[in-house]
Amino acid sequence: MIAELFSTVVNRETISYLIFGVLTTIISIVSYEVVKRLLARKKGVTPLIINISTVSSWIIAVGFAFITNKLFVFRSASMQADVVLREAVSFVGARLLTLGFEVVWMNVTTSVLKWNDSLCKIGAQFAVTVLNYVFSKLFIFK
C-alpha cells in the first residue's frame, strides 16, 4: 500500500515537474528582484512596484513553464496548432488563477501585515507550485 502510493507520487513526471518547478521559481524570483530593483531606484519599493514586479515575473515564468511542462514534464508532443493553442490557453488560464492568488497574497502580506516582500514572494511560490501541478495534471496536459 505505501509502496504503491510512493510510486504514484514519486515518478518521472513528478520529479521532472519539481526540477522544472524549481527552475521556474528561480526565474520568477530573480526576475521579480530585477524588475523591482530597476523600478525602485528613484522612489523606493512601493505597492505599485511590488505589483508590477510580481506580474512581470509571472509572465516570464509562465512562458518558461509552458514550454518545459509541455515538452519535458507531461510530454505533450503534439505540435498541431489547435492542440498547442488549447494547451496554451488552458495553461495561461490556470496560471491566471494562481497569479490572482499570488497578487492577493503579496498585497495582504506586504501592505497589511508589513512582512518582507522577498520572503513573501518565496512563500507564495510553494503554494503556487502545488496548485499549478494539479491544474496541469488534471486539466491541461491530460
C-alpha atoms as a PDB file:
ATOM      1  CA  MET A   1       0.000   0.000   0.000  1.00  0.00           C
ATOM      2  CA  ILE A   2       2.713   2.519   0.968  1.00  0.00           C
ATOM      3  CA  ALA A   3       4.974   1.374  -1.875  1.00  0.00           C
ATOM      4  CA  GLU A   4       2.097   1.805  -4.319  1.00  0.00           C
ATOM      5  CA  LEU A   5       1.356   5.293  -3.017  1.00  0.00           C
ATOM      6  CA  PHE A   6       5.070   6.177  -3.159  1.00  0.00           C
ATOM      7  CA  SER A   7       5.387   5.019  -6.776  1.00  0.00           C
ATOM      8  CA  THR A   8       2.275   7.016  -7.673  1.00  0.00           C
ATOM      9  CA  VAL A   9       3.638  10.198  -6.120  1.00  0.00           C
ATOM     10  CA  VAL A  10       7.351   9.800  -6.857  1.00  0.00           C
ATOM     11  CA  ASN A  11       7.861   9.105 -10.550  1.00  0.00           C
ATOM     12  CA  ARG A  12       9.484  10.619 -13.631  1.00  0.00           C
ATOM     13  CA  GLU A  13       6.675  13.130 -14.065  1.00  0.00           C
ATOM     14  CA  THR A  14       6.621  14.468 -10.523  1.00  0.00           C
ATOM     15  CA  ILE A  15      10.404  14.554 -10.274  1.00  0.00           C
ATOM     16  CA  SER A  16      10.738  16.439 -13.575  1.00  0.00           C
ATOM     17  CA  TYR A  17       7.885  18.747 -12.535  1.00  0.00           C
ATOM     18  CA  LEU A  18       9.734  19.547  -9.328  1.00  0.00           C
ATOM     19  CA  ILE A  19      13.015  20.143 -11.166  1.00  0.00           C
ATOM     20  CA  PHE A  20      11.423  22.455 -13.718  1.00  0.00           C
ATOM     21  CA  GLY A  21       9.271  23.951 -10.969  1.00  0.00           C
ATOM     22  CA  VAL A  22      12.409  24.873  -9.052  1.00  0.00           C
ATOM     23  CA  LEU A  23      13.895  26.409 -12.204  1.00  0.00           C
ATOM     24  CA  THR A  24      10.645  28.288 -12.873  1.00  0.00           C
ATOM     25  CA  THR A  25      10.610  29.506  -9.265  1.00  0.00           C
ATOM     26  CA  ILE A  26      14.194  30.713  -9.561  1.00  0.00           C
ATOM     27  CA  ILE A  27      13.334  32.510 -12.790  1.00  0.00           C
ATOM     28  CA  SER A  28      10.266  34.045 -11.126  1.00  0.00           C
ATOM     29  CA  ILE A  29      12.149  35.226  -8.040  1.00  0.00           C
ATOM     30  CA  VAL A  30      15.177  36.545  -9.941  1.00  0.00           C
ATOM     31  CA  SER A  31      13.043  38.381 -12.498  1.00  0.00           C
ATOM     32  CA  TYR A  32      10.903  39.803  -9.642  1.00  0.00           C
ATOM     33  CA  GLU A  33      14.006  41.157  -7.911  1.00  0.00           C
ATOM     34  CA  VAL A  34      15.484  42.555 -11.141  1.00  0.00           C
ATOM     35  CA  VAL A  35      12.287  44.380 -12.119  1.00  0.00           C
ATOM     36  CA  LYS A  36      11.728  45.615  -8.546  1.00  0.00           C
ATOM     37  CA  ARG A  37      15.245  46.998  -8.264  1.00  0.00           C
ATOM     38  CA  LEU A  38      15.098  48.665 -11.667  1.00  0.00           C
ATOM     39  CA  LEU A  39      11.777  50.347 -10.862  1.00  0.00           C
ATOM     40  CA  ALA A  40      12.583  51.219  -7.244  1.00  0.00           C
ATOM     41  CA  ARG A  41      15.775  53.142  -7.987  1.00  0.00           C
ATOM     42  CA  LYS A  42      14.199  56.589  -7.640  1.00  0.00           C
ATOM     43  CA  LYS A  43      11.101  56.148  -5.478  1.00  0.00           C
ATOM     44  CA  GLY A  44      11.898  53.096  -3.377  1.00  0.00           C
ATOM     45  CA  VAL A  45       9.737  49.999  -3.130  1.00  0.00           C
ATOM     46  CA  THR A  46       6.031  50.862  -3.286  1.00  0.00           C
ATOM     47  CA  PRO A  47       2.932  48.652  -3.532  1.00  0.00           C
ATOM     48  CA  LEU A  48       2.679  49.560  -7.239  1.00  0.00           C
ATOM     49  CA  ILE A  49       6.270  48.470  -7.859  1.00  0.00           C
ATOM     50  CA  ILE A  50       5.624  45.211  -5.975  1.00  0.00           C
ATOM     51  CA  ASN A  51       2.575  44.554  -8.186  1.00  0.00           C
ATOM     52  CA  ILE A  52       4.369  45.408 -11.432  1.00  0.00           C
ATOM     53  CA  SER A  53       7.322  43.231 -10.408  1.00  0.00           C
ATOM     54  CA  THR A  54       5.011  40.352  -9.457  1.00  0.00           C
ATOM     55  CA  VAL A  55       3.123  40.442 -12.771  1.00  0.00           C
ATOM     56  CA  SER A  56       6.327  40.845 -14.818  1.00  0.00           C
ATOM     57  CA  SER A  57       7.977  37.890 -13.115  1.00  0.00           C
ATOM     58  CA  TRP A  58       4.786  35.880 -13.653  1.00  0.00           C
ATOM     59  CA  ILE A  59       4.802  36.495 -17.426  1.00  0.00           C
ATOM     60  CA  ILE A  60       8.431  35.440 -17.741  1.00  0.00           C
ATOM     61  CA  ALA A  61       7.984  32.354 -15.548  1.00  0.00           C
ATOM     62  CA  VAL A  62       4.780  31.220 -17.292  1.00  0.00           C
ATOM     63  CA  GLY A  63       6.471  31.299 -20.693  1.00  0.00           C
ATOM     64  CA  PHE A  64       9.306  29.141 -19.412  1.00  0.00           C
ATOM     65  CA  ALA A  65       6.941  26.816 -17.539  1.00  0.00           C
ATOM     66  CA  PHE A  66       4.641  26.229 -20.517  1.00  0.00           C
ATOM     67  CA  ILE A  67       7.496  25.110 -22.748  1.00  0.00           C
ATOM     68  CA  THR A  68       9.125  22.869 -20.143  1.00  0.00           C
ATOM     69  CA  ASN A  69       5.835  21.392 -18.900  1.00  0.00           C
ATOM     70  CA  LYS A  70       4.613  20.654 -22.413  1.00  0.00           C
ATOM     71  CA  LEU A  71       7.813  19.122 -23.723  1.00  0.00           C
ATOM     72  CA  PHE A  72       9.580  17.577 -20.725  1.00  0.00           C
ATOM     73  CA  VAL A  73       7.171  17.057 -17.830  1.00  0.00           C
ATOM     74  CA  PHE A  74       3.901  15.926 -19.369  1.00  0.00           C
ATOM     75  CA  ARG A  75       5.446  15.014 -22.750  1.00  0.00           C
ATOM     76  CA  SER A  76       2.674  16.504 -24.824  1.00  0.00           C
ATOM     77  CA  ALA A  77       4.383  16.031 -28.150  1.00  0.00           C
ATOM     78  CA  SER A  78       1.654  17.321 -30.456  1.00  0.00           C
ATOM     79  CA  MET A  79       2.648  20.474 -32.267  1.00  0.00           C
ATOM     80  CA  GLN A  80      -0.650  20.759 -34.120  1.00  0.00           C
ATOM     81  CA  ALA A  81      -1.787  24.363 -33.897  1.00  0.00           C
ATOM     82  CA  ASP A  82      -5.184  23.542 -32.361  1.00  0.00           C
ATOM     83  CA  VAL A  83      -3.652  21.331 -29.662  1.00  0.00           C
ATOM     84  CA  VAL A  84      -0.900  23.807 -28.765  1.00  0.00           C
ATOM     85  CA  LEU A  85      -3.436  26.652 -28.709  1.00  0.00           C
ATOM     86  CA  ARG A  86      -5.811  24.714 -26.439  1.00  0.00           C
ATOM     87  CA  GLU A  87      -2.964  23.792 -24.105  1.00  0.00           C
ATOM     88  CA  ALA A  88      -1.575  27.328 -24.070  1.00  0.00           C
ATOM     89  CA  VAL A  89      -4.967  28.914 -23.364  1.00  0.00           C
ATOM     90  CA  SER A  90      -5.708  26.386 -20.605  1.00  0.00           C
ATOM     91  CA  PHE A  91      -2.219  26.773 -19.178  1.00  0.00           C
ATOM     92  CA  VAL A  92      -2.393  30.565 -19.101  1.00  0.00           C
ATOM     93  CA  GLY A  93      -5.944  30.434 -17.675  1.00  0.00           C
ATOM     94  CA  ALA A  94      -4.850  28.194 -14.814  1.00  0.00           C
ATOM     95  CA  ARG A  95      -1.791  30.342 -14.233  1.00  0.00           C
ATOM     96  CA  LEU A  96      -4.004  33.441 -14.120  1.00  0.00           C
ATOM     97  CA  LEU A  97      -5.884  31.846 -11.227  1.00  0.00           C
ATOM     98  CA  THR A  98      -2.663  31.251  -9.340  1.00  0.00           C
ATOM     99  CA  LEU A  99      -1.443  34.747 -10.286  1.00  0.00           C
ATOM    100  CA  GLY A 100      -4.601  36.107  -8.656  1.00  0.00           C
ATOM    101  CA  PHE A 101      -3.773  34.150  -5.534  1.00  0.00           C
ATOM    102  CA  GLU A 102      -0.185  35.425  -5.601  1.00  0.00           C
ATOM    103  CA  VAL A 103      -1.163  39.076  -6.084  1.00  0.00           C
ATOM    104  CA  VAL A 104      -3.655  38.896  -3.203  1.00  0.00           C
ATOM    105  CA  TRP A 105      -1.050  37.111  -1.058  1.00  0.00           C
ATOM    106  CA  MET A 106       1.627  39.717  -1.835  1.00  0.00           C
ATOM    107  CA  ASN A 107      -0.726  42.635  -1.123  1.00  0.00           C
ATOM    108  CA  VAL A 108      -2.040  41.218   2.141  1.00  0.00           C
ATOM    109  CA  THR A 109       1.326  40.084   3.466  1.00  0.00           C
ATOM    110  CA  THR A 110       3.316  43.172   2.441  1.00  0.00           C
ATOM    111  CA  SER A 111       0.792  46.020   2.717  1.00  0.00           C
ATOM    112  CA  VAL A 112      -1.419  44.804   5.563  1.00  0.00           C
ATOM    113  CA  LEU A 113       0.898  42.579   7.598  1.00  0.00           C
ATOM    114  CA  LYS A 114       4.082  44.506   6.658  1.00  0.00           C
ATOM    115  CA  TRP A 115       6.110  41.339   6.085  1.00  0.00           C
ATOM    116  CA  ASN A 116       9.269  41.278   3.975  1.00  0.00           C
ATOM    117  CA  ASP A 117       8.241  41.220   0.310  1.00  0.00           C
ATOM    118  CA  SER A 118      11.066  38.940  -0.828  1.00  0.00           C
ATOM    119  CA  LEU A 119      10.231  36.304   1.798  1.00  0.00           C
ATOM    120  CA  CYS A 120       6.533  36.593   0.930  1.00  0.00           C
ATOM    121  CA  LYS A 121       7.372  36.007  -2.732  1.00  0.00           C
ATOM    122  CA  ILE A 122       9.254  32.822  -1.829  1.00  0.00           C
ATOM    123  CA  GLY A 123       6.397  31.596   0.365  1.00  0.00           C
ATOM    124  CA  ALA A 124       3.834  32.232  -2.359  1.00  0.00           C
ATOM    125  CA  GLN A 125       5.838  30.103  -4.771  1.00  0.00           C
ATOM    126  CA  PHE A 126       5.322  26.957  -2.709  1.00  0.00           C
ATOM    127  CA  ALA A 127       1.517  27.171  -2.827  1.00  0.00           C
ATOM    128  CA  VAL A 128       1.548  28.254  -6.470  1.00  0.00           C
ATOM    129  CA  THR A 129       3.719  25.267  -7.444  1.00  0.00           C
ATOM    130  CA  VAL A 130       1.299  22.758  -5.924  1.00  0.00           C
ATOM    131  CA  LEU A 131      -1.746  24.424  -7.473  1.00  0.00           C
ATOM    132  CA  ASN A 132      -0.081  24.634 -10.883  1.00  0.00           C
ATOM    133  CA  TYR A 133       0.791  20.926 -10.849  1.00  0.00           C
ATOM    134  CA  VAL A 134      -2.778  19.950 -10.039  1.00  0.00           C
ATOM    135  CA  PHE A 135      -4.179  22.146 -12.814  1.00  0.00           C
ATOM    136  CA  SER A 136      -1.615  20.880 -15.359  1.00  0.00           C
ATOM    137  CA  LYS A 137      -2.052  17.220 -14.460  1.00  0.00           C
ATOM    138  CA  LEU A 138      -5.838  17.171 -14.269  1.00  0.00           C
ATOM    139  CA  PHE A 139      -6.945  19.727 -16.851  1.00  0.00           C
ATOM    140  CA  ILE A 140      -4.252  20.860 -19.283  1.00  0.00           C
ATOM    141  CA  PHE A 141      -1.863  18.094 -20.364  1.00  0.00           C
ATOM    142  CA  LYS A 142      -4.196  15.125 -19.919  1.00  0.00           C
END
